[in-house]
C-alpha atoms as a PDB file:
ATOM      1  CA  UNK A   1      17.841  19.893  21.694  1.00  0.00           C
ATOM      2  CA  UNK A   2      17.858  16.743  19.585  1.00  0.00           C
ATOM      3  CA  UNK A   3      14.321  16.048  18.268  1.00  0.00           C
ATOM      4  CA  UNK A   4      14.439  12.520  19.691  1.00  0.00           C
ATOM      5  CA  UNK A   5      15.187  13.874  23.175  1.00  0.00           C
ATOM      6  CA  UNK A   6      11.778  15.546  23.314  1.00  0.00           C
ATOM      7  CA  UNK A   7       9.972  12.232  22.741  1.00  0.00           C
ATOM      8  CA  UNK A   8       8.407  10.437  25.686  1.00  0.00           C
ATOM      9  CA  UNK A   9       9.126   6.910  24.516  1.00  0.00           C
ATOM     10  CA  UNK A  10       6.891   5.353  27.158  1.00  0.00           C
ATOM     11  CA  UNK A  11       3.971   7.514  25.976  1.00  0.00           C
ATOM     12  CA  UNK A  12       4.712   6.595  22.365  1.00  0.00           C
ATOM     13  CA  UNK A  13       5.028   2.867  23.072  1.00  0.00           C
ATOM     14  CA  UNK A  14       1.717   2.801  24.935  1.00  0.00           C
ATOM     15  CA  UNK A  15      -0.151   4.595  22.135  1.00  0.00           C
ATOM     16  CA  UNK A  16       1.356   2.332  19.509  1.00  0.00           C
ATOM     17  CA  UNK A  17       0.209  -0.645  21.581  1.00  0.00           C
ATOM     18  CA  UNK A  18      -3.295   0.818  21.765  1.00  0.00           C
ATOM     19  CA  UNK A  19      -3.264   1.543  18.037  1.00  0.00           C
ATOM     20  CA  UNK A  20      -2.350  -2.054  17.202  1.00  0.00           C
ATOM     21  CA  UNK A  21      -5.195  -3.228  19.435  1.00  0.00           C
ATOM     22  CA  UNK A  22      -7.756  -0.790  18.041  1.00  0.00           C
ATOM     23  CA  UNK A  23      -6.607   1.469  15.173  1.00  0.00           C
ATOM     24  CA  UNK A  24      -8.066   4.983  15.062  1.00  0.00           C
ATOM     25  CA  UNK A  25      -7.159   8.289  13.463  1.00  0.00           C
ATOM     26  CA  UNK A  26      -7.430   9.931  16.890  1.00  0.00           C
ATOM     27  CA  UNK A  27      -4.587   7.786  18.235  1.00  0.00           C
ATOM     28  CA  UNK A  28      -2.624   8.266  15.034  1.00  0.00           C
ATOM     29  CA  UNK A  29      -2.960  12.033  15.376  1.00  0.00           C
ATOM     30  CA  UNK A  30      -1.651  11.895  18.944  1.00  0.00           C
ATOM     31  CA  UNK A  31       1.283   9.747  17.796  1.00  0.00           C
ATOM     32  CA  UNK A  32       2.053  11.887  14.759  1.00  0.00           C
ATOM     33  CA  UNK A  33       2.016  15.188  16.637  1.00  0.00           C
ATOM     34  CA  UNK A  34       4.053  13.787  19.524  1.00  0.00           C
ATOM     35  CA  UNK A  35       6.934  12.745  17.243  1.00  0.00           C
ATOM     36  CA  UNK A  36       6.537  15.686  14.807  1.00  0.00           C
ATOM     37  CA  UNK A  37       5.778  13.381  11.894  1.00  0.00           C
ATOM     38  CA  UNK A  38       2.969  15.796  10.976  1.00  0.00           C
ATOM     39  CA  UNK A  39       3.762  19.376  10.026  1.00  0.00           C
ATOM     40  CA  UNK A  40       1.755  22.397  11.166  1.00  0.00           C
ATOM     41  CA  UNK A  41       0.193  22.469   7.716  1.00  0.00           C
ATOM     42  CA  UNK A  42      -0.702  18.772   8.016  1.00  0.00           C
ATOM     43  CA  UNK A  43      -2.348  19.354  11.395  1.00  0.00           C
ATOM     44  CA  UNK A  44      -4.362  22.286  10.068  1.00  0.00           C
ATOM     45  CA  UNK A  45      -5.581  20.215   7.116  1.00  0.00           C
ATOM     46  CA  UNK A  46      -6.484  17.261   9.364  1.00  0.00           C
ATOM     47  CA  UNK A  47      -8.447  19.493  11.740  1.00  0.00           C
ATOM     48  CA  UNK A  48     -10.404  20.928   8.799  1.00  0.00           C
ATOM     49  CA  UNK A  49     -10.894  17.866   6.580  1.00  0.00           C
ATOM     50  CA  UNK A  50      -9.751  14.807   8.532  1.00  0.00           C
ATOM     51  CA  UNK A  51      -6.904  12.388   7.858  1.00  0.00           C
ATOM     52  CA  UNK A  52      -5.887  11.534   4.318  1.00  0.00           C
ATOM     53  CA  UNK A  53      -4.037   8.385   3.311  1.00  0.00           C
ATOM     54  CA  UNK A  54      -0.905  10.473   2.759  1.00  0.00           C
ATOM     55  CA  UNK A  55      -1.065  11.820   6.315  1.00  0.00           C
ATOM     56  CA  UNK A  56      -1.351   8.280   7.683  1.00  0.00           C
ATOM     57  CA  UNK A  57       1.599   7.188   5.581  1.00  0.00           C
ATOM     58  CA  UNK A  58       3.807   9.931   7.041  1.00  0.00           C
ATOM     59  CA  UNK A  59       3.098   8.804  10.602  1.00  0.00           C
ATOM     60  CA  UNK A  60       3.589   5.120   9.766  1.00  0.00           C
ATOM     61  CA  UNK A  61       6.813   5.873   7.933  1.00  0.00           C
ATOM     62  CA  UNK A  62       8.184   7.632  11.038  1.00  0.00           C
ATOM     63  CA  UNK A  63       7.170   5.025  13.608  1.00  0.00           C
ATOM     64  CA  UNK A  64       8.333   2.112  11.435  1.00  0.00           C
ATOM     65  CA  UNK A  65      11.671   3.783  10.702  1.00  0.00           C
ATOM     66  CA  UNK A  66      12.448   5.443  14.035  1.00  0.00           C
ATOM     67  CA  UNK A  67      10.520   3.392  16.604  1.00  0.00           C
ATOM     68  CA  UNK A  68      10.801   0.046  14.757  1.00  0.00           C
ATOM     69  CA  UNK A  69       7.042  -0.381  15.160  1.00  0.00           C
ATOM     70  CA  UNK A  70       5.487  -3.507  13.651  1.00  0.00           C
ATOM     71  CA  UNK A  71       1.850  -3.095  12.599  1.00  0.00           C
ATOM     72  CA  UNK A  72      -0.615  -5.802  13.592  1.00  0.00           C
ATOM     73  CA  UNK A  73      -2.644  -5.130  10.432  1.00  0.00           C
ATOM     74  CA  UNK A  74      -1.730  -4.802   6.765  1.00  0.00           C
ATOM     75  CA  UNK A  75      -0.210  -1.359   6.216  1.00  0.00           C
ATOM     76  CA  UNK A  76      -2.054  -0.638   2.969  1.00  0.00           C
ATOM     77  CA  UNK A  77      -5.319  -1.395   4.765  1.00  0.00           C
ATOM     78  CA  UNK A  78      -4.375   0.975   7.584  1.00  0.00           C
ATOM     79  CA  UNK A  79      -3.301   3.715   5.173  1.00  0.00           C
ATOM     80  CA  UNK A  80      -6.256   3.627   2.782  1.00  0.00           C
ATOM     81  CA  UNK A  81      -9.051   1.910   4.707  1.00  0.00           C
ATOM     82  CA  UNK A  82     -11.265  -0.956   3.634  1.00  0.00           C
ATOM     83  CA  UNK A  83     -13.686   1.143   1.588  1.00  0.00           C
ATOM     84  CA  UNK A  84     -10.955   2.576  -0.663  1.00  0.00           C
ATOM     85  CA  UNK A  85      -9.282  -0.805  -1.206  1.00  0.00           C
ATOM     86  CA  UNK A  86     -12.647  -2.378  -2.076  1.00  0.00           C
ATOM     87  CA  UNK A  87     -13.307   0.393  -4.597  1.00  0.00           C
ATOM     88  CA  UNK A  88      -9.910  -0.059  -6.227  1.00  0.00           C
ATOM     89  CA  UNK A  89     -10.314  -3.849  -6.271  1.00  0.00           C
ATOM     90  CA  UNK A  90     -13.652  -3.489  -8.082  1.00  0.00           C
ATOM     91  CA  UNK A  91     -12.123  -1.094 -10.614  1.00  0.00           C
ATOM     92  CA  UNK A  92      -9.166  -3.428 -11.051  1.00  0.00           C
ATOM     93  CA  UNK A  93     -11.332  -6.481 -11.695  1.00  0.00           C
ATOM     94  CA  UNK A  94     -13.312  -4.541 -14.264  1.00  0.00           C
ATOM     95  CA  UNK A  95     -10.227  -3.239 -16.109  1.00  0.00           C
ATOM     96  CA  UNK A  96      -7.939  -6.276 -15.708  1.00  0.00           C
ATOM     97  CA  UNK A  97     -10.146  -9.326 -15.013  1.00  0.00           C
ATOM     98  CA  UNK A  98      -7.306 -11.828 -15.628  1.00  0.00           C
ATOM     99  CA  UNK A  99      -4.789 -10.162 -13.282  1.00  0.00           C
ATOM    100  CA  UNK A 100      -4.579 -10.186  -9.464  1.00  0.00           C
ATOM    101  CA  UNK A 101      -4.275  -6.731  -7.917  1.00  0.00           C
ATOM    102  CA  UNK A 102      -1.445  -6.075  -5.436  1.00  0.00           C
ATOM    103  CA  UNK A 103      -0.903  -2.910  -3.429  1.00  0.00           C
ATOM    104  CA  UNK A 104       1.649  -3.543  -0.693  1.00  0.00           C
ATOM    105  CA  UNK A 105       3.254  -1.071   1.697  1.00  0.00           C
ATOM    106  CA  UNK A 106       6.003  -2.403   3.971  1.00  0.00           C
ATOM    107  CA  UNK A 107       8.968  -1.206   5.955  1.00  0.00           C
ATOM    108  CA  UNK A 108      12.288  -2.002   4.285  1.00  0.00           C
ATOM    109  CA  UNK A 109      15.820  -1.242   5.374  1.00  0.00           C
ATOM    110  CA  UNK A 110      18.170   0.540   2.982  1.00  0.00           C
ATOM    111  CA  UNK A 111      20.354  -2.497   2.261  1.00  0.00           C
ATOM    112  CA  UNK A 112      17.269  -4.348   1.023  1.00  0.00           C
ATOM    113  CA  UNK A 113      15.497  -1.628  -0.933  1.00  0.00           C
ATOM    114  CA  UNK A 114      18.204   0.735  -2.144  1.00  0.00           C
ATOM    115  CA  UNK A 115      16.227   3.616  -0.620  1.00  0.00           C
ATOM    116  CA  UNK A 116      16.614   5.118   2.815  1.00  0.00           C
ATOM    117  CA  UNK A 117      15.082   3.073   5.637  1.00  0.00           C
ATOM    118  CA  UNK A 118      11.331   3.525   5.400  1.00  0.00           C
ATOM    119  CA  UNK A 119       7.972   2.299   4.174  1.00  0.00           C
ATOM    120  CA  UNK A 120       8.062   1.465   0.467  1.00  0.00           C
ATOM    121  CA  UNK A 121       5.325   0.240  -1.853  1.00  0.00           C
ATOM    122  CA  UNK A 122       4.670  -1.936  -4.858  1.00  0.00           C
ATOM    123  CA  UNK A 123       1.603  -1.586  -7.065  1.00  0.00           C
ATOM    124  CA  UNK A 124       1.290  -4.385  -9.615  1.00  0.00           C
ATOM    125  CA  UNK A 125      -1.046  -6.899 -11.219  1.00  0.00           C
ATOM    126  CA  UNK A 126       0.017 -10.547 -11.405  1.00  0.00           C
ATOM    127  CA  UNK A 127      -1.203 -12.648 -14.362  1.00  0.00           C
ATOM    128  CA  UNK A 128      -3.569 -15.512 -13.581  1.00  0.00           C
ATOM    129  CA  UNK A 129      -3.389 -18.752 -15.623  1.00  0.00           C
ATOM    130  CA  UNK A 130      -5.342 -18.034 -18.798  1.00  0.00           C
ATOM    131  CA  UNK A 131      -4.504 -14.325 -18.775  1.00  0.00           C
ATOM    132  CA  UNK A 132      -3.404 -12.669 -22.015  1.00  0.00           C
ATOM    133  CA  UNK A 133       0.385 -12.529 -22.070  1.00  0.00           C
ATOM    134  CA  UNK A 134       1.967  -9.181 -21.094  1.00  0.00           C
ATOM    135  CA  UNK A 135       4.080  -7.418 -23.688  1.00  0.00           C
ATOM    136  CA  UNK A 136       7.872  -7.322 -23.157  1.00  0.00           C
ATOM    137  CA  UNK A 137       9.150  -4.616 -20.819  1.00  0.00           C
ATOM    138  CA  UNK A 138      10.701  -2.878 -23.830  1.00  0.00           C
ATOM    139  CA  UNK A 139       7.170  -2.327 -25.189  1.00  0.00           C
ATOM    140  CA  UNK A 140       5.169  -1.521 -22.045  1.00  0.00           C
ATOM    141  CA  UNK A 141       5.708  -0.198 -18.549  1.00  0.00           C
ATOM    142  CA  UNK A 142       2.577  -1.839 -17.173  1.00  0.00           C
ATOM    143  CA  UNK A 143       3.520  -3.178 -13.701  1.00  0.00           C
ATOM    144  CA  UNK A 144       2.799  -6.911 -13.852  1.00  0.00           C
ATOM    145  CA  UNK A 145       5.737  -7.717 -11.556  1.00  0.00           C
ATOM    146  CA  UNK A 146       6.605  -6.138  -8.175  1.00  0.00           C
ATOM    147  CA  UNK A 147       8.445  -2.846  -8.509  1.00  0.00           C
ATOM    148  CA  UNK A 148       9.319  -1.203  -5.211  1.00  0.00           C
ATOM    149  CA  UNK A 149       9.478   2.552  -4.787  1.00  0.00           C
ATOM    150  CA  UNK A 150       9.564   4.942  -1.845  1.00  0.00           C
ATOM    151  CA  UNK A 151       6.093   5.105  -0.312  1.00  0.00           C
ATOM    152  CA  UNK A 152       5.795   8.868  -0.664  1.00  0.00           C
ATOM    153  CA  UNK A 153       6.041   8.438  -4.447  1.00  0.00           C
ATOM    154  CA  UNK A 154       2.581   6.816  -4.539  1.00  0.00           C
ATOM    155  CA  UNK A 155       1.062  10.304  -4.461  1.00  0.00           C
ATOM    156  CA  UNK A 156       1.780  13.184  -6.800  1.00  0.00           C
ATOM    157  CA  UNK A 157       0.550  15.233  -9.705  1.00  0.00           C
ATOM    158  CA  UNK A 158       0.352  12.888 -12.706  1.00  0.00           C
ATOM    159  CA  UNK A 159      -0.994  13.207 -16.273  1.00  0.00           C
ATOM    160  CA  UNK A 160      -4.724  12.959 -16.761  1.00  0.00           C
ATOM    161  CA  UNK A 161      -5.409  14.926 -13.598  1.00  0.00           C
ATOM    162  CA  UNK A 162      -4.573  11.864 -11.479  1.00  0.00           C
ATOM    163  CA  UNK A 163      -3.012  12.184  -8.035  1.00  0.00           C
ATOM    164  CA  UNK A 164      -1.891   8.632  -7.221  1.00  0.00           C
ATOM    165  CA  UNK A 165      -0.277   5.707  -9.005  1.00  0.00           C
ATOM    166  CA  UNK A 166      -3.404   3.553  -9.093  1.00  0.00           C
ATOM    167  CA  UNK A 167      -5.507   6.132 -10.945  1.00  0.00           C
ATOM    168  CA  UNK A 168      -2.560   7.038 -13.165  1.00  0.00           C
ATOM    169  CA  UNK A 169      -2.080   3.386 -14.139  1.00  0.00           C
ATOM    170  CA  UNK A 170      -5.749   3.034 -15.124  1.00  0.00           C
ATOM    171  CA  UNK A 171      -5.481   6.296 -17.044  1.00  0.00           C
ATOM    172  CA  UNK A 172      -2.541   4.878 -19.048  1.00  0.00           C
ATOM    173  CA  UNK A 173      -3.982   1.362 -19.377  1.00  0.00           C
ATOM    174  CA  UNK A 174      -7.787   1.397 -19.197  1.00  0.00           C
ATOM    175  CA  UNK A 175      -7.959  -2.309 -20.116  1.00  0.00           C
ATOM    176  CA  UNK A 176      -5.814  -5.382 -20.760  1.00  0.00           C
ATOM    177  CA  UNK A 177      -5.576  -4.758 -24.502  1.00  0.00           C
ATOM    178  CA  UNK A 178      -3.117  -1.928 -23.920  1.00  0.00           C
ATOM    179  CA  UNK A 179      -0.323  -4.100 -22.504  1.00  0.00           C
ATOM    180  CA  UNK A 180      -0.904  -7.700 -23.730  1.00  0.00           C
ATOM    181  CA  UNK A 181      -0.254  -9.783 -26.849  1.00  0.00           C
ATOM    182  CA  UNK A 182      -3.393 -10.766 -28.770  1.00  0.00           C
ATOM    183  CA  UNK A 183      -3.725 -14.550 -29.005  1.00  0.00           C
ATOM    184  CA  UNK A 184      -0.961 -15.326 -26.485  1.00  0.00           C
ATOM    185  CA  UNK A 185      -2.068 -16.885 -23.199  1.00  0.00           C
ATOM    186  CA  UNK A 186      -0.285 -17.369 -19.868  1.00  0.00           C
ATOM    187  CA  UNK A 187      -0.334 -20.980 -18.690  1.00  0.00           C
ATOM    188  CA  UNK A 188      -0.212 -22.355 -15.173  1.00  0.00           C
ATOM    189  CA  UNK A 189       3.415 -22.909 -14.180  1.00  0.00           C
ATOM    190  CA  UNK A 190       5.011 -20.822 -16.901  1.00  0.00           C
ATOM    191  CA  UNK A 191       7.354 -17.890 -16.277  1.00  0.00           C
ATOM    192  CA  UNK A 192       4.552 -15.324 -16.303  1.00  0.00           C
ATOM    193  CA  UNK A 193       2.352 -16.940 -13.667  1.00  0.00           C
ATOM    194  CA  UNK A 194       5.081 -18.278 -11.363  1.00  0.00           C
ATOM    195  CA  UNK A 195       6.194 -16.245  -8.335  1.00  0.00           C
ATOM    196  CA  UNK A 196       9.617 -16.216  -6.756  1.00  0.00           C
ATOM    197  CA  UNK A 197      10.003 -16.671  -3.002  1.00  0.00           C
ATOM    198  CA  UNK A 198       9.748 -12.940  -2.347  1.00  0.00           C
ATOM    199  CA  UNK A 199       6.614 -12.519  -4.458  1.00  0.00           C
ATOM    200  CA  UNK A 200       4.962 -15.536  -2.859  1.00  0.00           C
ATOM    201  CA  UNK A 201       5.072 -13.779   0.530  1.00  0.00           C
ATOM    202  CA  UNK A 202       2.976 -10.857  -0.729  1.00  0.00           C
ATOM    203  CA  UNK A 203      -0.797 -10.780  -0.261  1.00  0.00           C
ATOM    204  CA  UNK A 204      -3.087  -9.502  -2.992  1.00  0.00           C
ATOM    205  CA  UNK A 205      -5.642  -6.859  -2.076  1.00  0.00           C
ATOM    206  CA  UNK A 206      -8.399  -9.482  -2.307  1.00  0.00           C
ATOM    207  CA  UNK A 207      -6.490 -11.684   0.159  1.00  0.00           C
ATOM    208  CA  UNK A 208      -5.891  -8.762   2.535  1.00  0.00           C
ATOM    209  CA  UNK A 209      -9.590  -7.891   2.584  1.00  0.00           C
ATOM    210  CA  UNK A 210     -10.615 -11.523   3.051  1.00  0.00           C
ATOM    211  CA  UNK A 211      -8.105 -11.985   5.866  1.00  0.00           C
ATOM    212  CA  UNK A 212      -9.304  -8.824   7.589  1.00  0.00           C
ATOM    213  CA  UNK A 213     -12.945  -9.944   7.330  1.00  0.00           C
ATOM    214  CA  UNK A 214     -12.081 -13.356   8.768  1.00  0.00           C
ATOM    215  CA  UNK A 215     -10.171 -11.746  11.649  1.00  0.00           C
ATOM    216  CA  UNK A 216     -13.116  -9.506  12.494  1.00  0.00           C
ATOM    217  CA  UNK A 217     -15.450 -12.495  12.600  1.00  0.00           C
ATOM    218  CA  UNK A 218     -13.066 -14.450  14.820  1.00  0.00           C
ATOM    219  CA  UNK A 219     -12.774 -11.494  17.203  1.00  0.00           C
ATOM    220  CA  UNK A 220     -16.499 -10.931  17.161  1.00  0.00           C
ATOM    221  CA  UNK A 221     -16.171  -7.447  15.738  1.00  0.00           C
ATOM    222  CA  UNK A 222     -19.092  -5.977  13.770  1.00  0.00           C
ATOM    223  CA  UNK A 223     -18.708  -6.327   9.998  1.00  0.00           C
END
């Protein structure tokens, strides 16, 4: 039997509606097991240690790709949680105080991304006016512009004992000196600080967290 034939689409639609209204790992587990987005090994690990960000990504990737689900909340926030994003934002501000931190996960169709339909990500730091100027791309691979990759590639086994792209980036570039030109400054309105139309639509992690806090206050949710 085709795997899709075993899915109760009414059940799935109702749980996705509930998840958008009130996200929880319990609902996500029910969704993920119903559509087989989680393997037996995944389920065993979740039952023993709880959900990881990678587990959440696998479920979101399935429902965005196969059920055309549209999340009501930022996907990176749903995948990693507020506490993790706040920790990374603090680390980012300490290491790169003149650069805005972006971690964006979004569903993209193949014709747009070059990958198969699915949730892709960009991890980058955009220069603020007054930031030291990034070195040319021929001299550094520091991501100061959006670079999209398949979402599953965010995790892995990287040098320095790191297991995700954020920690690996800080391992390679612990501060701004490693990827900028001494004495050269980015100015407001120049090529380095300007964003194209696509980049302008992206929200930095600081903006995502601020927007989420504002939404909670409007809805009367506890902070």
